[in-house]
Amino acid sequence: MSKTVLAIDVGSTKICAIIADIDEDNNIKITGAGTTKAQGLKKGSITNIDLASKSIKSAIADAKRVAGVDLKRATVSISGAYTKSLNSSGIVNIPNKEISVKEISRVMNTSLYNANIPNEYEVLHNLPFNFKADEQDFIEDPLGMNASRLEVETHIITTQKSNINNLKKAVRAAGVEVENIILSGYASAISTLSSDEKELGVAVIDIGGSTSNLVIHAGNSIRYNDFLGVGSNHITNDLSMALHTPLNIADEVKMKYGSLHAPSNDLIELPIIGDIESTHEVSLEVVHNVIYARVEETLMIVAQSIEKSGLKDQLGAGIVLTGGFSRIDGIRELAVAIFDNMPVRLAKPNEVDGLFDTLQHPEFSSVIGLVKYEANNFSRYEFDINKRMRHSNEEYVYEDNVVLQDIASVSDEFPTPVEEEENNIKETLATIPQKKKSAKGDEASVFSKFWNWATQLF
């Protein structure tokens, strides 16, 4: 059944809202889009709910105006700031020896239970990266296989509940309810990666205005994610200080002359900060050196994070760079040198019908990924923030774009291991036969009470 979705990418420097139609075959057609400057956000987190809400509302209003529809629910991205990730595992027995969605849901629930997640954290994604049926390891999809035991290893992404609540408040104040929340780096990976890259192993680096999100895919699922507080705005700040010019002028210089190739000795005239009427001449070589130093430092920080993941040897498809930062001329050549001659690809969102020209740039990878997520372009199995298991073969019944019933997924039917144990105890107690009371038994009970009272009295 076709549906219309609203996706909102809450970035550190911009808010982007997209409205798209998704048909029965999960084909996407974008019908509306709106982008505004982000306010009330710092390094990926909301610092002022009122200002953030106004920015979100403005972007949504523009998208609705173009699309001509009014939607009240949205899928929203969340920055990797303050997220914590861990790996867990689970194991269950298969009573009827055939693995169904029910068993996969149970084993993923078990891995979640075994993770011991702190109370102040909420699970964003629970993603399996390795299934094992009996003694057979590295199973791509266990559905329908025969086995007596099923094991799973999962990558669990969590974030602080306060972070989620602040995001929901800001979106709600803009007149929209949050239906689902997706990690920004995960969304970027969905919109830029091919199936071959996922299978071979690949690192997706989305470098935005103030933040960078790193996601490593290995074995068709996320194995590692990290958040780095660096972005293209740092180049603007460096230029402003080095050239002694206002921030807005420094940003224009970055956009116009931002190149990592050999610089020229030409001079440009720039206004002096604090004195708009006065100007001074600056060599483009100085501009090049400032930009080169910051880009090199940023990529080296990302390279250290990849080294820390312990998965560098599994990146057969190399590195994928996306986000506004990746548009800097010459960044690919520098990245190849810093990442030890690994393959590096500059990526923009995969082609989507109705994709507006402005949305074809790398900085819109995340918001396009949100729409693709709603069109079932996600990991083969996963638990989302609503604790609902999603899988590639799921079918939903929609009414006014709200999920009424999940036909294929049955995660809601399965209790956690603790609930399961409690239910078993209740069933056992329920089956204990109760003794029938007789008149004679009642008389004996009255006599017993009288005798106890008499002995206490005397």
Protein backbone atom coordinates (compact mmCIF):
# COMPACT_ATOMS: atom_id res chain seq x y z
CA MET A 1 0.00 0.00 0.00
CA SER A 2 1.39 3.42 -0.97
CA LYS A 3 2.13 6.05 1.65
CA THR A 4 3.44 9.60 1.99
CA VAL A 5 6.29 10.27 4.43
CA LEU A 6 7.93 13.29 6.00
CA ALA A 7 11.67 13.07 6.77
CA ILE A 8 13.53 15.69 8.81
CA ASP A 9 17.31 15.84 9.02
CA VAL A 10 18.29 17.85 12.09
CA GLY A 11 21.86 18.85 11.32
CA SER A 12 24.31 21.08 13.15
CA THR A 13 24.17 23.85 10.51
CA LYS A 14 20.97 23.18 8.54
CA ILE A 15 17.52 21.63 8.95
CA CYS A 16 16.18 19.82 5.89
CA ALA A 17 12.64 18.45 5.50
CA ILE A 18 11.54 16.22 2.62
CA ILE A 19 8.10 14.89 1.68
CA ALA A 20 8.01 11.82 -0.57
CA ASP A 21 5.50 9.33 -1.95
CA ILE A 22 6.39 5.62 -1.62
CA ASP A 23 4.41 3.15 -3.74
CA GLU A 24 3.67 -0.57 -3.20
CA ASP A 25 7.02 -1.54 -4.77
CA ASN A 26 8.93 0.87 -2.47
CA ASN A 27 9.69 3.26 -5.32
CA ILE A 28 10.28 6.79 -4.06
CA LYS A 29 9.16 10.09 -5.57
CA ILE A 30 10.09 13.29 -3.76
CA THR A 31 7.30 15.86 -3.92
CA GLY A 32 8.49 18.61 -1.57
CA ALA A 33 11.58 19.88 0.22
CA GLY A 34 12.56 22.71 2.55
CA THR A 35 15.89 23.77 4.05
CA THR A 36 16.63 26.37 6.72
CA LYS A 37 19.62 27.41 8.77
CA ALA A 38 19.81 25.50 12.05
CA GLN A 39 19.37 27.48 15.24
CA GLY A 40 19.41 26.24 18.82
CA LEU A 41 21.81 23.40 17.99
CA LYS A 42 25.47 22.97 18.83
CA LYS A 43 27.65 20.07 17.74
CA GLY A 44 24.65 17.93 16.88
CA SER A 45 22.68 18.47 20.10
CA ILE A 46 19.77 20.76 20.88
CA THR A 47 20.78 23.64 23.15
CA ASN A 48 17.65 25.78 22.75
CA ILE A 49 14.36 23.94 22.12
CA ASP A 50 12.45 27.09 21.13
CA LEU A 51 14.96 28.20 18.48
CA ALA A 52 15.42 24.64 17.18
CA SER A 53 11.65 24.25 16.91
CA LYS A 54 11.33 27.45 14.84
CA SER A 55 14.00 26.22 12.41
CA ILE A 56 12.30 22.82 12.09
CA LYS A 57 8.89 24.43 11.61
CA SER A 58 10.22 26.69 8.84
CA ALA A 59 11.75 23.76 6.92
CA ILE A 60 8.55 21.69 7.27
CA ALA A 61 6.38 24.60 6.11
CA ASP A 62 8.47 25.00 2.94
CA ALA A 63 8.25 21.27 2.18
CA LYS A 64 4.47 21.22 2.74
CA ARG A 65 3.99 24.27 0.54
CA VAL A 66 5.78 22.60 -2.38
CA ALA A 67 4.20 19.16 -1.90
CA GLY A 68 0.70 20.45 -1.20
CA VAL A 69 0.08 17.98 1.64
CA ASP A 70 -0.13 18.27 5.41
CA LEU A 71 1.58 15.52 7.41
CA LYS A 72 1.57 15.21 11.19
CA ARG A 73 4.17 12.46 11.71
CA ALA A 74 7.83 12.34 10.71
CA THR A 75 10.96 10.23 10.67
CA VAL A 76 13.77 12.27 12.18
CA SER A 77 17.56 11.94 12.20
CA ILE A 78 19.61 12.19 15.37
CA SER A 79 23.28 13.07 15.57
CA GLY A 80 25.80 10.57 16.88
CA ALA A 81 26.62 13.01 19.71
CA TYR A 82 26.33 11.36 23.12
CA THR A 83 25.58 7.95 21.62
CA LYS A 84 27.13 4.83 23.09
CA SER A 85 27.47 1.57 21.22
CA LEU A 86 28.16 -1.96 22.36
CA ASN A 87 28.11 -5.47 20.98
CA SER A 88 25.98 -8.19 22.55
CA SER A 89 24.92 -11.76 21.82
CA GLY A 90 21.94 -14.03 22.37
CA ILE A 91 20.97 -17.68 21.98
CA VAL A 92 17.58 -19.46 21.84
CA ASN A 93 16.33 -22.97 21.20
CA ILE A 94 14.11 -23.68 18.18
CA PRO A 95 11.17 -25.88 19.35
CA ASN A 96 9.86 -26.88 15.90
CA LYS A 97 13.37 -27.00 14.31
CA GLU A 98 12.51 -24.34 11.70
CA ILE A 99 13.64 -20.73 12.05
CA SER A 100 10.85 -18.21 11.54
CA VAL A 101 10.60 -14.44 12.11
CA LYS A 102 9.42 -15.32 15.61
CA GLU A 103 12.70 -17.07 16.50
CA ILE A 104 14.80 -14.28 14.97
CA SER A 105 12.84 -11.74 17.01
CA ARG A 106 13.33 -13.81 20.18
CA VAL A 107 17.09 -14.19 19.76
CA MET A 108 17.53 -10.46 19.05
CA ASN A 109 15.42 -9.67 22.12
CA THR A 110 17.70 -11.94 24.15
CA SER A 111 20.82 -10.12 22.95
CA LEU A 112 19.17 -6.85 23.98
CA TYR A 113 18.39 -8.26 27.43
CA ASN A 114 21.99 -9.49 27.85
CA ALA A 115 23.42 -6.06 27.01
CA ASN A 116 22.57 -4.54 30.43
CA ILE A 117 21.86 -1.05 29.08
CA PRO A 118 21.77 1.73 31.74
CA ASN A 119 18.35 3.14 32.63
CA GLU A 120 19.20 6.63 31.39
CA TYR A 121 19.89 5.32 27.87
CA GLU A 122 17.44 4.42 25.10
CA VAL A 123 18.11 1.91 22.31
CA LEU A 124 18.17 3.58 18.88
CA HIS A 125 19.05 0.50 16.82
CA ASN A 126 19.68 -3.16 17.55
CA LEU A 127 21.45 -4.52 14.44
CA PRO A 128 22.51 -8.17 13.99
CA PHE A 129 25.81 -8.69 12.16
CA ASN A 130 26.27 -12.44 12.59
CA PHE A 131 23.79 -15.32 12.85
CA LYS A 132 24.77 -18.87 13.80
CA ALA A 133 22.44 -21.87 13.38
CA ASP A 134 23.70 -24.90 15.34
CA GLU A 135 27.37 -25.08 14.30
CA GLN A 136 27.04 -23.12 11.05
CA ASP A 137 28.52 -19.64 11.41
CA PHE A 138 28.25 -16.35 9.41
CA ILE A 139 24.75 -17.02 8.08
CA GLU A 140 23.47 -14.16 5.97
CA ASP A 141 19.76 -14.84 6.55
CA PRO A 142 18.60 -17.66 8.86
CA LEU A 143 14.91 -17.35 7.94
CA GLY A 144 13.44 -20.72 6.93
CA MET A 145 16.54 -22.74 7.87
CA ASN A 146 16.37 -25.93 9.92
CA ALA A 147 18.19 -25.85 13.26
CA SER A 148 17.73 -26.69 16.92
CA ARG A 149 19.59 -23.61 18.20
CA LEU A 150 19.97 -20.04 16.91
CA GLU A 151 22.65 -17.57 18.02
CA VAL A 152 23.17 -13.94 17.11
CA GLU A 153 25.74 -11.17 17.58
CA THR A 154 24.32 -7.65 17.48
CA HIS A 155 25.57 -4.07 17.43
CA ILE A 156 23.42 -1.94 19.74
CA ILE A 157 23.37 1.85 19.39
CA THR A 158 22.04 3.79 22.38
CA THR A 159 21.69 7.45 23.30
CA GLN A 160 20.66 9.35 26.40
CA LYS A 161 16.90 9.56 26.97
CA SER A 162 17.19 13.31 27.60
CA ASN A 163 18.72 13.74 24.13
CA ILE A 164 15.75 11.95 22.52
CA ASN A 165 13.18 13.79 24.65
CA ASN A 166 14.63 17.18 23.71
CA LEU A 167 14.52 16.25 20.03
CA LYS A 168 10.90 15.07 20.33
CA LYS A 169 9.91 18.28 22.16
CA ALA A 170 11.46 20.46 19.47
CA VAL A 171 9.72 18.56 16.65
CA ARG A 172 6.42 18.43 18.53
CA ALA A 173 6.54 22.20 19.10
CA ALA A 174 6.84 22.51 15.30
CA GLY A 175 3.45 20.76 14.99
CA VAL A 176 4.68 17.27 14.09
CA GLU A 177 4.93 14.04 16.09
CA VAL A 178 8.07 11.90 15.85
CA GLU A 179 7.26 8.47 14.43
CA ASN A 180 10.81 7.11 14.21
CA ILE A 181 14.35 8.26 14.98
CA ILE A 182 17.33 7.16 12.86
CA LEU A 183 21.03 7.66 13.52
CA SER A 184 22.30 10.28 11.07
CA GLY A 185 25.34 8.25 10.00
CA TYR A 186 23.17 5.18 9.43
CA ALA A 187 20.86 7.22 7.16
CA SER A 188 23.84 8.54 5.18
CA ALA A 189 25.08 4.98 4.66
CA ILE A 190 21.65 3.88 3.39
CA SER A 191 21.57 6.62 0.73
CA THR A 192 25.16 6.27 -0.54
CA LEU A 193 26.26 2.62 -0.31
CA SER A 194 25.84 -0.18 -2.83
CA SER A 195 25.16 -3.78 -1.80
CA ASP A 196 28.67 -4.80 -2.93
CA GLU A 197 30.29 -2.18 -0.70
CA LYS A 198 28.28 -3.35 2.31
CA GLU A 199 29.26 -6.96 1.71
CA LEU A 200 32.98 -6.21 1.23
CA GLY A 201 33.14 -3.87 4.21
CA VAL A 202 33.21 -0.07 4.01
CA ALA A 203 33.54 3.02 6.20
CA VAL A 204 31.09 5.88 5.55
CA ILE A 205 32.32 9.27 6.75
CA ASP A 206 29.68 12.03 6.71
CA ILE A 207 31.44 15.32 7.48
CA GLY A 208 29.03 18.20 7.91
CA GLY A 209 29.24 21.77 9.17
CA SER A 210 30.23 21.19 12.80
CA THR A 211 30.18 17.41 13.22
CA SER A 212 31.30 14.18 11.57
CA ASN A 213 29.59 10.80 11.76
CA LEU A 214 31.50 7.58 11.05
CA VAL A 215 29.76 4.28 10.34
CA ILE A 216 31.54 1.04 9.46
CA HIS A 217 29.60 -1.61 7.53
CA ALA A 218 30.97 -5.14 7.59
CA GLY A 219 28.93 -8.28 6.95
CA ASN A 220 25.91 -6.34 5.64
CA SER A 221 25.34 -4.54 8.93
CA ILE A 222 26.78 -1.74 11.04
CA ARG A 223 29.66 -2.96 13.19
CA TYR A 224 30.95 0.36 14.51
CA ASN A 225 29.90 4.00 14.71
CA ASP A 226 31.56 7.11 16.09
CA PHE A 227 30.91 10.83 16.43
CA LEU A 228 33.56 13.53 15.96
CA GLY A 229 33.09 17.20 16.74
CA VAL A 230 34.85 18.47 13.61
CA GLY A 231 33.44 19.90 10.39
CA SER A 232 33.72 22.52 7.67
CA ASN A 233 32.82 25.38 10.05
CA HIS A 234 36.21 24.89 11.67
CA ILE A 235 37.79 25.89 8.35
CA THR A 236 35.69 29.07 8.36
CA ASN A 237 36.82 29.91 11.91
CA ASP A 238 40.46 29.25 11.04
CA LEU A 239 40.26 31.48 7.97
CA SER A 240 38.54 34.25 9.94
CA MET A 241 41.34 34.29 12.51
CA ALA A 242 44.22 33.80 10.06
CA LEU A 243 42.98 36.42 7.57
CA HIS A 244 41.56 38.74 10.25
CA THR A 245 38.26 39.01 8.41
CA PRO A 246 34.57 38.56 9.42
CA LEU A 247 33.13 35.01 9.56
CA ASN A 248 30.72 35.54 6.66
CA ILE A 249 33.57 36.78 4.43
CA ALA A 250 35.75 33.84 5.55
CA ASP A 251 32.96 31.45 4.56
CA GLU A 252 32.72 33.05 1.12
CA VAL A 253 36.50 32.69 0.70
CA LYS A 254 36.25 29.02 1.68
CA MET A 255 33.52 28.36 -0.88
CA LYS A 256 35.21 30.28 -3.70
CA TYR A 257 38.88 29.46 -3.18
CA GLY A 258 38.67 26.26 -1.13
CA SER A 259 41.04 23.92 -2.91
CA LEU A 260 43.71 21.48 -1.76
CA HIS A 261 45.62 21.62 -5.05
CA ALA A 262 48.76 23.72 -5.59
CA PRO A 263 47.95 27.34 -4.70
CA SER A 264 48.60 30.45 -6.76
CA ASN A 265 50.33 33.59 -5.54
CA ASP A 266 47.39 35.82 -6.48
CA LEU A 267 46.20 38.39 -3.99
CA ILE A 268 42.62 38.97 -2.88
CA GLU A 269 41.25 41.99 -1.05
CA LEU A 270 39.28 41.33 2.15
CA PRO A 271 37.60 43.58 4.74
CA ILE A 272 39.16 43.74 8.19
CA ILE A 273 37.20 42.34 11.11
CA GLY A 274 35.77 45.13 13.27
CA ASP A 275 36.44 47.74 10.57
CA ILE A 276 34.25 47.10 7.51
CA GLU A 277 35.41 50.20 5.66
CA SER A 278 39.09 49.13 5.73
CA THR A 279 40.50 46.30 3.59
CA HIS A 280 43.78 44.45 3.24
CA GLU A 281 45.34 42.13 0.68
CA VAL A 282 45.85 38.42 1.37
CA SER A 283 47.73 35.84 -0.68
CA LEU A 284 45.78 32.78 -1.87
CA GLU A 285 48.72 30.71 -0.69
CA VAL A 286 47.84 31.63 2.90
CA VAL A 287 44.20 30.63 2.25
CA HIS A 288 45.37 27.29 0.83
CA ASN A 289 47.69 26.56 3.77
CA VAL A 290 44.94 27.26 6.35
CA ILE A 291 42.40 25.04 4.56
CA TYR A 292 44.91 22.26 3.90
CA ALA A 293 46.01 22.12 7.55
CA ARG A 294 42.44 21.86 8.87
CA VAL A 295 41.30 19.26 6.31
CA GLU A 296 44.39 17.17 6.97
CA GLU A 297 43.81 17.29 10.74
CA THR A 298 40.11 16.36 10.33
CA LEU A 299 40.89 13.33 8.15
CA MET A 300 43.64 12.21 10.53
CA ILE A 301 41.17 12.28 13.45
CA VAL A 302 38.77 10.10 11.41
CA ALA A 303 41.64 7.75 10.48
CA GLN A 304 42.44 7.32 14.19
CA SER A 305 38.81 6.44 14.89
CA ILE A 306 38.85 3.79 12.13
CA GLU A 307 42.07 2.37 13.62
CA LYS A 308 40.43 2.30 17.06
CA SER A 309 37.48 0.29 15.70
CA GLY A 310 39.69 -2.74 15.04
CA LEU A 311 37.87 -3.25 11.72
CA LYS A 312 40.32 -1.53 9.38
CA ASP A 313 41.40 -4.87 7.86
CA GLN A 314 37.76 -5.63 6.96
CA LEU A 315 37.24 -2.54 4.78
CA GLY A 316 37.52 -4.27 1.41
CA ALA A 317 35.57 -1.50 -0.34
CA GLY A 318 37.58 1.24 1.39
CA ILE A 319 36.25 4.67 2.39
CA VAL A 320 33.16 6.59 1.28
CA LEU A 321 33.24 10.35 1.93
CA THR A 322 30.00 12.33 1.94
CA GLY A 323 28.58 15.49 3.53
CA GLY A 324 29.26 19.11 2.59
CA PHE A 325 32.92 18.82 3.63
CA SER A 326 33.54 16.28 0.85
CA ARG A 327 32.93 18.96 -1.82
CA ILE A 328 36.32 20.56 -1.16
CA ASP A 329 38.42 20.33 -4.31
CA GLY A 330 41.24 17.79 -3.99
CA ILE A 331 39.98 16.09 -0.81
CA ARG A 332 39.94 12.63 -2.39
CA GLU A 333 43.67 12.66 -3.18
CA LEU A 334 44.52 13.83 0.34
CA ALA A 335 42.22 11.20 1.88
CA VAL A 336 43.90 8.40 -0.11
CA ALA A 337 47.26 9.46 1.32
CA ILE A 338 45.99 9.71 4.92
CA PHE A 339 44.02 6.42 4.81
CA ASP A 340 47.10 4.39 3.76
CA ASN A 341 46.20 4.21 0.05
CA MET A 342 42.79 2.64 0.70
CA PRO A 343 40.16 3.17 -2.04
CA VAL A 344 38.31 6.44 -1.44
CA ARG A 345 35.04 7.39 -3.13
CA LEU A 346 33.22 10.74 -2.94
CA ALA A 347 29.51 10.00 -2.64
CA LYS A 348 26.26 11.83 -3.10
CA PRO A 349 22.77 10.35 -2.56
CA ASN A 350 21.78 7.54 -4.91
CA GLU A 351 19.36 8.58 -7.66
CA VAL A 352 15.75 9.02 -6.53
CA ASP A 353 12.77 9.95 -8.72
CA GLY A 354 11.75 13.57 -8.31
CA LEU A 355 15.07 14.39 -6.64
CA PHE A 356 15.37 18.15 -6.81
CA ASP A 357 18.66 19.50 -8.17
CA THR A 358 19.54 21.03 -4.82
CA LEU A 359 19.15 17.65 -3.10
CA GLN A 360 21.70 15.92 -5.32
CA HIS A 361 24.62 17.26 -3.32
CA PRO A 362 26.51 15.24 -0.64
CA GLU A 363 25.19 17.37 2.23
CA PHE A 364 21.72 15.86 1.68
CA SER A 365 22.82 12.22 2.02
CA SER A 366 21.31 11.87 5.48
CA VAL A 367 17.82 13.21 4.69
CA ILE A 368 17.56 11.09 1.52
CA GLY A 369 18.62 8.10 3.64
CA LEU A 370 15.68 8.75 5.99
CA VAL A 371 13.25 8.49 3.08
CA LYS A 372 14.96 5.33 1.81
CA TYR A 373 14.70 3.85 5.32
CA GLU A 374 10.94 4.30 5.19
CA ALA A 375 11.01 2.47 1.83
CA ASN A 376 12.51 -0.62 3.53
CA ASN A 377 16.11 0.17 2.60
CA PHE A 378 17.64 -0.83 5.93
CA SER A 379 19.50 -3.77 7.46
CA ARG A 380 17.90 -7.14 6.82
CA TYR A 381 16.71 -7.28 10.45
CA GLU A 382 16.72 -4.67 13.19
CA PHE A 383 14.89 -3.34 16.22
CA ASP A 384 14.11 0.37 15.97
CA ILE A 385 13.56 2.93 18.72
CA ASN A 386 9.91 1.84 19.02
CA LYS A 387 11.12 -1.67 19.97
CA ARG A 388 9.55 -3.00 16.78
CA MET A 389 11.45 -5.51 14.70
CA ARG A 390 11.80 -4.41 11.10
CA HIS A 391 12.91 -6.69 8.30
CA SER A 392 13.20 -6.54 4.54
CA ASN A 393 10.05 -8.60 3.91
CA GLU A 394 7.76 -6.70 6.25
CA GLU A 395 4.37 -5.44 5.16
CA TYR A 396 2.38 -2.80 7.00
CA VAL A 397 -1.25 -1.76 6.99
CA TYR A 398 -1.46 2.06 6.93
CA GLU A 399 -4.26 4.49 7.64
CA ASP A 400 -3.44 8.17 7.21
CA ASN A 401 0.22 7.13 7.04
CA VAL A 402 0.10 5.63 10.54
CA VAL A 403 1.02 1.97 11.02
CA LEU A 404 -2.05 0.06 12.18
CA GLN A 405 -0.72 -3.48 11.89
CA ASP A 406 2.59 -5.08 11.08
CA ILE A 407 1.62 -8.13 9.02
CA ALA A 408 4.96 -9.92 8.77
CA SER A 409 6.78 -8.78 11.91
CA VAL A 410 5.71 -10.37 15.14
CA SER A 411 8.13 -8.82 17.61
CA ASP A 412 5.33 -7.39 19.76
CA GLU A 413 4.06 -10.91 20.41
CA PHE A 414 7.26 -12.01 22.08
CA PRO A 415 8.06 -11.08 25.65
CA THR A 416 11.56 -10.43 26.94
CA PRO A 417 13.31 -13.35 28.75
CA VAL A 418 12.22 -11.93 32.14
CA GLU A 419 8.57 -11.66 31.05
CA GLU A 420 8.76 -15.15 29.59
CA GLU A 421 9.93 -16.55 32.93
CA GLU A 422 7.19 -14.70 34.82
CA ASN A 423 4.55 -16.03 32.42
CA ASN A 424 5.82 -19.59 32.94
CA ILE A 425 5.55 -19.18 36.73
CA LYS A 426 2.00 -17.82 36.39
CA GLU A 427 1.03 -20.75 34.16
CA THR A 428 2.50 -23.23 36.66
CA LEU A 429 0.60 -21.66 39.54
CA ALA A 430 -2.57 -21.65 37.49
CA THR A 431 -2.35 -25.39 36.90
CA ILE A 432 -2.03 -26.31 40.62
CA PRO A 433 -5.32 -28.04 41.57
CA GLN A 434 -7.34 -26.26 44.23
CA LYS A 435 -8.90 -28.32 47.06
CA LYS A 436 -12.67 -28.20 47.19
CA LYS A 437 -14.12 -26.97 50.42
CA SER A 438 -16.69 -29.21 52.09
CA ALA A 439 -19.15 -28.46 54.84
CA LYS A 440 -17.19 -30.78 57.13
CA GLY A 441 -13.99 -28.90 56.32
CA ASP A 442 -15.68 -25.60 57.19
CA GLU A 443 -16.76 -26.94 60.58
CA ALA A 444 -13.25 -28.19 61.30
CA SER A 445 -11.87 -24.78 60.42
CA VAL A 446 -14.25 -23.00 62.85
CA PHE A 447 -13.38 -25.46 65.67
CA SER A 448 -9.65 -24.96 65.03
CA LYS A 449 -9.97 -21.17 65.28
CA PHE A 450 -11.95 -21.50 68.57
CA TRP A 451 -9.36 -23.83 70.09
CA ASN A 452 -6.49 -21.45 69.21
CA TRP A 453 -8.38 -18.55 70.82
CA ALA A 454 -9.08 -20.57 74.00
CA THR A 455 -5.43 -21.64 74.43
CA GLN A 456 -4.22 -18.02 74.05
CA LEU A 457 -6.84 -16.84 76.58
CA PHE A 458 -5.91 -19.36 79.29
